[in-house]
Amino acid sequence: MNVNDFMAKHGITDADLERMAAPYEDGSIELEPDGKVFIGSHLDTVGTRRATVVNDEKDT
């Protein structure tokens, strides 16, 4: 599914997307009082190991 299909499926217009992005882009977003923003892999934050899974091509 591409971005346009996703937006159409959920009834999101370009104007909606611009409105939702504005607080992030202009730095005015308000976080919860104890809210933390983590940068980087979420796996580094939760301490989970990464694993590589290989599937047989016939299963895809």
PDB file of N, CA and C in Angstrom:
ATOM      1  N   MET A   1       0.853  -1.173   0.000  1.00  0.00           N
ATOM      2  CA  MET A   1       0.000   0.000   0.000  1.00  0.00           C
ATOM      3  C   MET A   1       0.897   1.233   0.000  1.00  0.00           C
ATOM      4  N   ASN A   2       0.631   2.145  -0.916  1.00  0.00           N
ATOM      5  CA  ASN A   2       1.428   3.363  -0.944  1.00  0.00           C
ATOM      6  C   ASN A   2       0.770   4.448  -0.088  1.00  0.00           C
ATOM      7  N   VAL A   3       1.434   5.564   0.038  1.00  0.00           N
ATOM      8  CA  VAL A   3       0.958   6.650   0.908  1.00  0.00           C
ATOM      9  C   VAL A   3      -0.411   7.146   0.470  1.00  0.00           C
ATOM     10  N   ASN A   4      -0.603   7.325  -0.825  1.00  0.00           N
ATOM     11  CA  ASN A   4      -1.892   7.826  -1.311  1.00  0.00           C
ATOM     12  C   ASN A   4      -3.023   6.859  -1.005  1.00  0.00           C
ATOM     13  N   ASP A   5      -2.775   5.556  -1.160  1.00  0.00           N
ATOM     14  CA  ASP A   5      -3.789   4.554  -0.832  1.00  0.00           C
ATOM     15  C   ASP A   5      -4.110   4.580   0.659  1.00  0.00           C
ATOM     16  N   PHE A   6      -3.072   4.694   1.488  1.00  0.00           N
ATOM     17  CA  PHE A   6      -3.262   4.735   2.938  1.00  0.00           C
ATOM     18  C   PHE A   6      -4.104   5.939   3.338  1.00  0.00           C
ATOM     19  N   MET A   7      -3.754   7.108   2.779  1.00  0.00           N
ATOM     20  CA  MET A   7      -4.479   8.328   3.115  1.00  0.00           C
ATOM     21  C   MET A   7      -5.939   8.230   2.670  1.00  0.00           C
ATOM     22  N   ALA A   8      -6.178   7.686   1.485  1.00  0.00           N
ATOM     23  CA  ALA A   8      -7.546   7.528   0.987  1.00  0.00           C
ATOM     24  C   ALA A   8      -8.328   6.553   1.864  1.00  0.00           C
ATOM     25  N   LYS A   9      -7.697   5.467   2.256  1.00  0.00           N
ATOM     26  CA  LYS A   9      -8.360   4.457   3.083  1.00  0.00           C
ATOM     27  C   LYS A   9      -8.813   5.041   4.416  1.00  0.00           C
ATOM     28  N   HIS A  10      -8.013   5.957   4.982  1.00  0.00           N
ATOM     29  CA  HIS A  10      -8.310   6.521   6.294  1.00  0.00           C
ATOM     30  C   HIS A  10      -8.918   7.920   6.222  1.00  0.00           C
ATOM     31  N   GLY A  11      -9.221   8.383   5.021  1.00  0.00           N
ATOM     32  CA  GLY A  11      -9.867   9.678   4.856  1.00  0.00           C
ATOM     33  C   GLY A  11      -8.997  10.856   5.260  1.00  0.00           C
ATOM     34  N   ILE A  12      -7.703  10.742   5.040  1.00  0.00           N
ATOM     35  CA  ILE A  12      -6.765  11.809   5.398  1.00  0.00           C
ATOM     36  C   ILE A  12      -6.452  12.616   4.142  1.00  0.00           C
ATOM     37  N   THR A  13      -6.603  13.925   4.226  1.00  0.00           N
ATOM     38  CA  THR A  13      -6.273  14.797   3.098  1.00  0.00           C
ATOM     39  C   THR A  13      -4.872  15.366   3.288  1.00  0.00           C
ATOM     40  N   ASP A  14      -4.348  15.995   2.252  1.00  0.00           N
ATOM     41  CA  ASP A  14      -3.048  16.666   2.372  1.00  0.00           C
ATOM     42  C   ASP A  14      -3.105  17.745   3.440  1.00  0.00           C
ATOM     43  N   ALA A  15      -4.236  18.461   3.520  1.00  0.00           N
ATOM     44  CA  ALA A  15      -4.392  19.514   4.526  1.00  0.00           C
ATOM     45  C   ALA A  15      -4.357  18.917   5.938  1.00  0.00           C
ATOM     46  N   ASP A  16      -4.999  17.748   6.122  1.00  0.00           N
ATOM     47  CA  ASP A  16      -4.962  17.064   7.426  1.00  0.00           C
ATOM     48  C   ASP A  16      -3.530  16.712   7.797  1.00  0.00           C
ATOM     49  N   LEU A  17      -2.802  16.181   6.834  1.00  0.00           N
ATOM     50  CA  LEU A  17      -1.418  15.770   7.071  1.00  0.00           C
ATOM     51  C   LEU A  17      -0.548  16.964   7.448  1.00  0.00           C
ATOM     52  N   GLU A  18      -0.718  18.072   6.750  1.00  0.00           N
ATOM     53  CA  GLU A  18       0.026  19.295   7.076  1.00  0.00           C
ATOM     54  C   GLU A  18      -0.307  19.778   8.486  1.00  0.00           C
ATOM     55  N   ARG A  19      -1.593  19.742   8.847  1.00  0.00           N
ATOM     56  CA  ARG A  19      -2.028  20.182  10.179  1.00  0.00           C
ATOM     57  C   ARG A  19      -1.439  19.286  11.270  1.00  0.00           C
ATOM     58  N   MET A  20      -1.425  17.963  11.029  1.00  0.00           N
ATOM     59  CA  MET A  20      -0.895  17.030  12.027  1.00  0.00           C
ATOM     60  C   MET A  20       0.620  17.152  12.174  1.00  0.00           C
ATOM     61  N   ALA A  21       1.313  17.479  11.090  1.00  0.00           N
ATOM     62  CA  ALA A  21       2.777  17.562  11.124  1.00  0.00           C
ATOM     63  C   ALA A  21       3.284  18.875  11.708  1.00  0.00           C
ATOM     64  N   ALA A  22       2.482  19.922  11.639  1.00  0.00           N
ATOM     65  CA  ALA A  22       2.928  21.262  12.036  1.00  0.00           C
ATOM     66  C   ALA A  22       3.537  21.330  13.434  1.00  0.00           C
ATOM     67  N   PRO A  23       2.911  20.763  14.482  1.00  0.00           N
ATOM     68  CA  PRO A  23       3.512  20.869  15.820  1.00  0.00           C
ATOM     69  C   PRO A  23       4.893  20.221  15.920  1.00  0.00           C
ATOM     70  N   TYR A  24       5.112  19.157  15.177  1.00  0.00           N
ATOM     71  CA  TYR A  24       6.415  18.500  15.187  1.00  0.00           C
ATOM     72  C   TYR A  24       7.447  19.347  14.459  1.00  0.00           C
ATOM     73  N   GLU A  25       7.020  19.916  13.335  1.00  0.00           N
ATOM     74  CA  GLU A  25       7.948  20.680  12.516  1.00  0.00           C
ATOM     75  C   GLU A  25       8.325  22.019  13.126  1.00  0.00           C
ATOM     76  N   ASP A  26       7.386  22.652  13.852  1.00  0.00           N
ATOM     77  CA  ASP A  26       7.701  23.966  14.428  1.00  0.00           C
ATOM     78  C   ASP A  26       8.149  23.890  15.890  1.00  0.00           C
ATOM     79  N   GLY A  27       8.217  22.660  16.447  1.00  0.00           N
ATOM     80  CA  GLY A  27       8.711  22.468  17.808  1.00  0.00           C
ATOM     81  C   GLY A  27       7.724  22.803  18.899  1.00  0.00           C
ATOM     82  N   SER A  28       6.442  22.969  18.560  1.00  0.00           N
ATOM     83  CA  SER A  28       5.460  23.354  19.572  1.00  0.00           C
ATOM     84  C   SER A  28       4.709  22.175  20.178  1.00  0.00           C
ATOM     85  N   ILE A  29       5.067  20.948  19.822  1.00  0.00           N
ATOM     86  CA  ILE A  29       4.369  19.788  20.364  1.00  0.00           C
ATOM     87  C   ILE A  29       4.582  19.710  21.869  1.00  0.00           C
ATOM     88  N   GLU A  30       3.517  19.380  22.584  1.00  0.00           N
ATOM     89  CA  GLU A  30       3.597  19.259  24.041  1.00  0.00           C
ATOM     90  C   GLU A  30       3.545  17.783  24.409  1.00  0.00           C
ATOM     91  N   LEU A  31       4.555  17.331  25.116  1.00  0.00           N
ATOM     92  CA  LEU A  31       4.623  15.941  25.548  1.00  0.00           C
ATOM     93  C   LEU A  31       3.999  15.797  26.922  1.00  0.00           C
ATOM     94  N   GLU A  32       3.720  14.586  27.305  1.00  0.00           N
ATOM     95  CA  GLU A  32       3.247  14.295  28.652  1.00  0.00           C
ATOM     96  C   GLU A  32       4.288  14.817  29.637  1.00  0.00           C
ATOM     97  N   PRO A  33       3.885  15.171  30.865  1.00  0.00           N
ATOM     98  CA  PRO A  33       4.854  15.710  31.827  1.00  0.00           C
ATOM     99  C   PRO A  33       6.083  14.815  32.024  1.00  0.00           C
ATOM    100  N   ASP A  34       5.877  13.515  32.047  1.00  0.00           N
ATOM    101  CA  ASP A  34       7.010  12.606  32.235  1.00  0.00           C
ATOM    102  C   ASP A  34       7.386  11.914  30.924  1.00  0.00           C
ATOM    103  N   GLY A  35       6.887  12.446  29.814  1.00  0.00           N
ATOM    104  CA  GLY A  35       7.142  11.831  28.517  1.00  0.00           C
ATOM    105  C   GLY A  35       8.599  11.925  28.118  1.00  0.00           C
ATOM    106  N   LYS A  36       9.105  10.859  27.564  1.00  0.00           N
ATOM    107  CA  LYS A  36      10.483  10.820  27.113  1.00  0.00           C
ATOM    108  C   LYS A  36      10.485  10.578  25.611  1.00  0.00           C
ATOM    109  N   VAL A  37      11.401  11.206  24.928  1.00  0.00           N
ATOM    110  CA  VAL A  37      11.572  10.991  23.502  1.00  0.00           C
ATOM    111  C   VAL A  37      12.876  10.246  23.308  1.00  0.00           C
ATOM    112  N   PHE A  38      12.781   9.093  22.679  1.00  0.00           N
ATOM    113  CA  PHE A  38      13.962   8.286  22.421  1.00  0.00           C
ATOM    114  C   PHE A  38      14.343   8.419  20.961  1.00  0.00           C
ATOM    115  N   ILE A  39      15.622   8.556  20.713  1.00  0.00           N
ATOM    116  CA  ILE A  39      16.125   8.664  19.354  1.00  0.00           C
ATOM    117  C   ILE A  39      16.960   7.424  19.067  1.00  0.00           C
ATOM    118  N   GLY A  40      16.756   6.838  17.917  1.00  0.00           N
ATOM    119  CA  GLY A  40      17.504   5.647  17.536  1.00  0.00           C
ATOM    120  C   GLY A  40      16.594   4.435  17.515  1.00  0.00           C
ATOM    121  N   SER A  41      17.189   3.288  17.500  1.00  0.00           N
ATOM    122  CA  SER A  41      16.437   2.046  17.416  1.00  0.00           C
ATOM    123  C   SER A  41      15.641   1.807  18.691  1.00  0.00           C
ATOM    124  N   HIS A  42      14.391   1.407  18.540  1.00  0.00           N
ATOM    125  CA  HIS A  42      13.598   1.068  19.716  1.00  0.00           C
ATOM    126  C   HIS A  42      14.177  -0.164  20.416  1.00  0.00           C
ATOM    127  N   LEU A  43      14.904  -0.978  19.678  1.00  0.00           N
ATOM    128  CA  LEU A  43      15.502  -2.166  20.281  1.00  0.00           C
ATOM    129  C   LEU A  43      16.586  -1.794  21.283  1.00  0.00           C
ATOM    130  N   ASP A  44      17.287  -0.683  21.049  1.00  0.00           N
ATOM    131  CA  ASP A  44      18.291  -0.229  22.005  1.00  0.00           C
ATOM    132  C   ASP A  44      17.620   0.211  23.304  1.00  0.00           C
ATOM    133  N   THR A  45      16.437   0.781  23.203  1.00  0.00           N
ATOM    134  CA  THR A  45      15.713   1.286  24.365  1.00  0.00           C
ATOM    135  C   THR A  45      15.161   0.151  25.219  1.00  0.00           C
ATOM    136  N   VAL A  46      14.591  -0.861  24.593  1.00  0.00           N
ATOM    137  CA  VAL A  46      13.974  -1.947  25.358  1.00  0.00           C
ATOM    138  C   VAL A  46      14.943  -3.078  25.663  1.00  0.00           C
ATOM    139  N   GLY A  47      16.124  -3.040  25.069  1.00  0.00           N
ATOM    140  CA  GLY A  47      17.137  -4.045  25.382  1.00  0.00           C
ATOM    141  C   GLY A  47      16.876  -5.401  24.766  1.00  0.00           C
ATOM    142  N   THR A  48      16.219  -5.435  23.645  1.00  0.00           N
ATOM    143  CA  THR A  48      15.908  -6.692  22.981  1.00  0.00           C
ATOM    144  C   THR A  48      16.968  -7.011  21.938  1.00  0.00           C
ATOM    145  N   ARG A  49      17.263  -8.278  21.792  1.00  0.00           N
ATOM    146  CA  ARG A  49      18.237  -8.687  20.788  1.00  0.00           C
ATOM    147  C   ARG A  49      17.619  -8.665  19.403  1.00  0.00           C
ATOM    148  N   ARG A  50      18.448  -8.440  18.416  1.00  0.00           N
ATOM    149  CA  ARG A  50      17.995  -8.504  17.034  1.00  0.00           C
ATOM    150  C   ARG A  50      18.202  -9.919  16.517  1.00  0.00           C
ATOM    151  N   ALA A  51      17.300 -10.364  15.665  1.00  0.00           N
ATOM    152  CA  ALA A  51      17.426 -11.696  15.081  1.00  0.00           C
ATOM    153  C   ALA A  51      17.155 -11.602  13.597  1.00  0.00           C
ATOM    154  N   THR A  52      17.884 -12.389  12.824  1.00  0.00           N
ATOM    155  CA  THR A  52      17.653 -12.448  11.395  1.00  0.00           C
ATOM    156  C   THR A  52      16.846 -13.712  11.100  1.00  0.00           C
ATOM    157  N   VAL A  53      15.761 -13.533  10.360  1.00  0.00           N
ATOM    158  CA  VAL A  53      14.913 -14.661  10.009  1.00  0.00           C
ATOM    159  C   VAL A  53      14.960 -14.821   8.501  1.00  0.00           C
ATOM    160  N   VAL A  54      15.192 -16.042   8.051  1.00  0.00           N
ATOM    161  CA  VAL A  54      15.238 -16.326   6.625  1.00  0.00           C
ATOM    162  C   VAL A  54      14.063 -17.226   6.293  1.00  0.00           C
ATOM    163  N   ASN A  55      13.231 -16.755   5.363  1.00  0.00           N
ATOM    164  CA  ASN A  55      12.079 -17.560   4.920  1.00  0.00           C
ATOM    165  C   ASN A  55      12.353 -18.107   3.529  1.00  0.00           C
ATOM    166  N   ASP A  56      11.833 -19.292   3.281  1.00  0.00           N
ATOM    167  CA  ASP A  56      11.948 -19.888   1.956  1.00  0.00           C
ATOM    168  C   ASP A  56      11.117 -19.063   0.978  1.00  0.00           C
ATOM    169  N   GLU A  57      11.637 -18.840  -0.222  1.00  0.00           N
ATOM    170  CA  GLU A  57      10.966 -17.992  -1.202  1.00  0.00           C
ATOM    171  C   GLU A  57       9.560 -18.493  -1.509  1.00  0.00           C
ATOM    172  N   LYS A  58       9.327 -19.784  -1.492  1.00  0.00           N
ATOM    173  CA  LYS A  58       8.006 -20.330  -1.804  1.00  0.00           C
ATOM    174  C   LYS A  58       6.955 -19.949  -0.747  1.00  0.00           C
ATOM    175  N   ASP A  59       7.396 -19.520   0.435  1.00  0.00           N
ATOM    176  CA  ASP A  59       6.474 -19.141   1.506  1.00  0.00           C
ATOM    177  C   ASP A  59       6.025 -17.691   1.430  1.00  0.00           C
ATOM    178  N   THR A  60       6.597 -16.901   0.499  1.00  0.00           N
ATOM    179  CA  THR A  60       6.245 -15.490   0.421  1.00  0.00           C
ATOM    180  C   THR A  60       5.151 -15.217  -0.556  1.00  0.00           C
TER     181      THR A  60
END
